[in-house]
Amino acid sequence: MTIKNEKNGSTLKLIVEGRVDTSTSKEFEEKAKADLGGVEELVLDFTQLNYISSAGLRVLLSLQKIMNKQGSMKIVGANDIVKDIFEVTGFSEILTVE
């Protein structure tokens, strides 16, 4: 998994590539939360994300709770596999997926 971050004013875009699973979710959470100070819009670009496990979903829920207090969060570019995971788990009702 690799994460690239692009900050533009109060918008933070995280480009996540590879897999977010049990072995990478802690790194994903640490990197995502490290840059949230002053962020009003968090954009997670999942164009290159191949898979997300329940551990990754837990991180998304934690990020969503933070962003509910300071702004908004959306996921863009998720492939059909990742979207299906959101649907099956009910996360499509919690998260903004474009």
Protein backbone atom coordinates (compact mmCIF):
# COMPACT_ATOMS: atom_id res chain seq x y z
CA MET A 1 0.00 0.00 0.00
CA THR A 2 1.17 3.50 -0.78
CA ILE A 3 -0.44 6.79 0.15
CA LYS A 4 0.20 10.09 -1.56
CA ASN A 5 -1.21 13.23 -0.04
CA GLU A 6 -2.09 16.48 -1.77
CA LYS A 7 -3.12 19.42 0.37
CA ASN A 8 -4.76 22.46 -1.15
CA GLY A 9 -5.90 24.98 1.43
CA SER A 10 -8.37 23.24 3.73
CA THR A 11 -8.77 20.24 1.37
CA LEU A 12 -6.69 17.10 1.83
CA LYS A 13 -6.67 14.46 -0.89
CA LEU A 14 -5.22 11.05 -0.03
CA ILE A 15 -4.45 8.82 -3.00
CA VAL A 16 -4.41 5.24 -1.75
CA GLU A 17 -2.89 2.48 -3.90
CA GLY A 18 -2.83 -1.28 -3.33
CA ARG A 19 -4.65 -2.97 -0.48
CA VAL A 20 -5.91 -1.75 2.88
CA ASP A 21 -6.10 -4.84 5.06
CA THR A 22 -5.02 -6.09 8.48
CA SER A 23 -1.33 -5.61 7.71
CA THR A 24 -1.67 -2.07 6.27
CA SER A 25 -4.65 -0.53 8.07
CA LYS A 26 -2.61 0.82 10.99
CA GLU A 27 -0.24 2.63 8.60
CA PHE A 28 -3.24 3.95 6.64
CA GLU A 29 -4.85 5.28 9.83
CA GLU A 30 -1.64 6.91 11.10
CA LYS A 31 -0.87 8.62 7.79
CA ALA A 32 -4.45 9.80 7.29
CA LYS A 33 -4.89 11.19 10.80
CA ALA A 34 -1.47 12.86 10.87
CA ASP A 35 -2.53 15.51 8.36
CA LEU A 36 -6.13 16.23 9.42
CA GLY A 37 -5.42 19.41 11.39
CA GLY A 38 -7.28 22.31 9.75
CA VAL A 39 -8.78 20.08 7.06
CA GLU A 40 -12.40 20.84 6.20
CA GLU A 41 -12.69 18.45 3.25
CA LEU A 42 -11.07 15.02 3.11
CA VAL A 43 -11.05 13.30 -0.28
CA LEU A 44 -9.98 9.66 -0.42
CA ASP A 45 -8.99 8.74 -3.98
CA PHE A 46 -9.43 4.97 -4.29
CA THR A 47 -8.82 4.77 -8.06
CA GLN A 48 -5.79 2.53 -7.46
CA LEU A 49 -7.17 0.69 -4.40
CA ASN A 50 -7.62 -3.01 -5.15
CA TYR A 51 -9.16 -4.21 -1.88
CA ILE A 52 -10.27 -3.05 1.56
CA SER A 53 -10.85 -5.38 4.51
CA SER A 54 -12.88 -4.92 7.69
CA ALA A 55 -9.77 -3.41 9.31
CA GLY A 56 -9.72 -0.77 6.57
CA LEU A 57 -13.44 -0.15 6.99
CA ARG A 58 -12.85 0.51 10.68
CA VAL A 59 -10.31 3.21 9.73
CA LEU A 60 -12.81 4.78 7.32
CA LEU A 61 -15.43 4.90 10.07
CA SER A 62 -12.93 6.56 12.42
CA LEU A 63 -11.99 9.14 9.76
CA GLN A 64 -15.67 9.81 9.04
CA LYS A 65 -16.33 10.52 12.73
CA ILE A 66 -13.47 13.03 12.81
CA MET A 67 -14.56 14.72 9.60
CA ASN A 68 -18.19 14.95 10.76
CA LYS A 69 -16.89 17.38 13.40
CA GLN A 70 -14.63 19.46 11.18
CA GLY A 71 -16.07 19.22 7.67
CA SER A 72 -16.78 16.51 5.13
CA MET A 73 -15.28 13.34 3.70
CA LYS A 74 -15.85 11.65 0.37
CA ILE A 75 -14.47 8.66 -1.49
CA VAL A 76 -13.83 8.93 -5.21
CA GLY A 77 -12.74 6.45 -7.86
CA ALA A 78 -13.60 3.24 -6.00
CA ASN A 79 -13.71 0.20 -8.28
CA ASP A 80 -16.64 -2.25 -8.39
CA ILE A 81 -15.02 -4.65 -5.90
CA VAL A 82 -14.55 -1.92 -3.29
CA LYS A 83 -18.04 -0.52 -3.97
CA ASP A 84 -19.49 -4.01 -3.49
CA ILE A 85 -17.74 -4.26 -0.12
CA PHE A 86 -19.30 -0.91 0.88
CA GLU A 87 -22.74 -2.16 -0.24
CA VAL A 88 -22.57 -5.54 1.54
CA THR A 89 -21.36 -4.01 4.80
CA GLY A 90 -23.80 -1.09 4.74
CA PHE A 91 -20.97 1.42 4.56
CA SER A 92 -22.48 2.88 1.41
CA GLU A 93 -25.16 4.32 3.70
CA ILE A 94 -22.58 5.88 6.04
CA LEU A 95 -19.96 7.14 3.59
CA THR A 96 -20.18 9.51 0.63
CA VAL A 97 -18.99 7.48 -2.35
CA GLU A 98 -18.80 9.20 -5.73
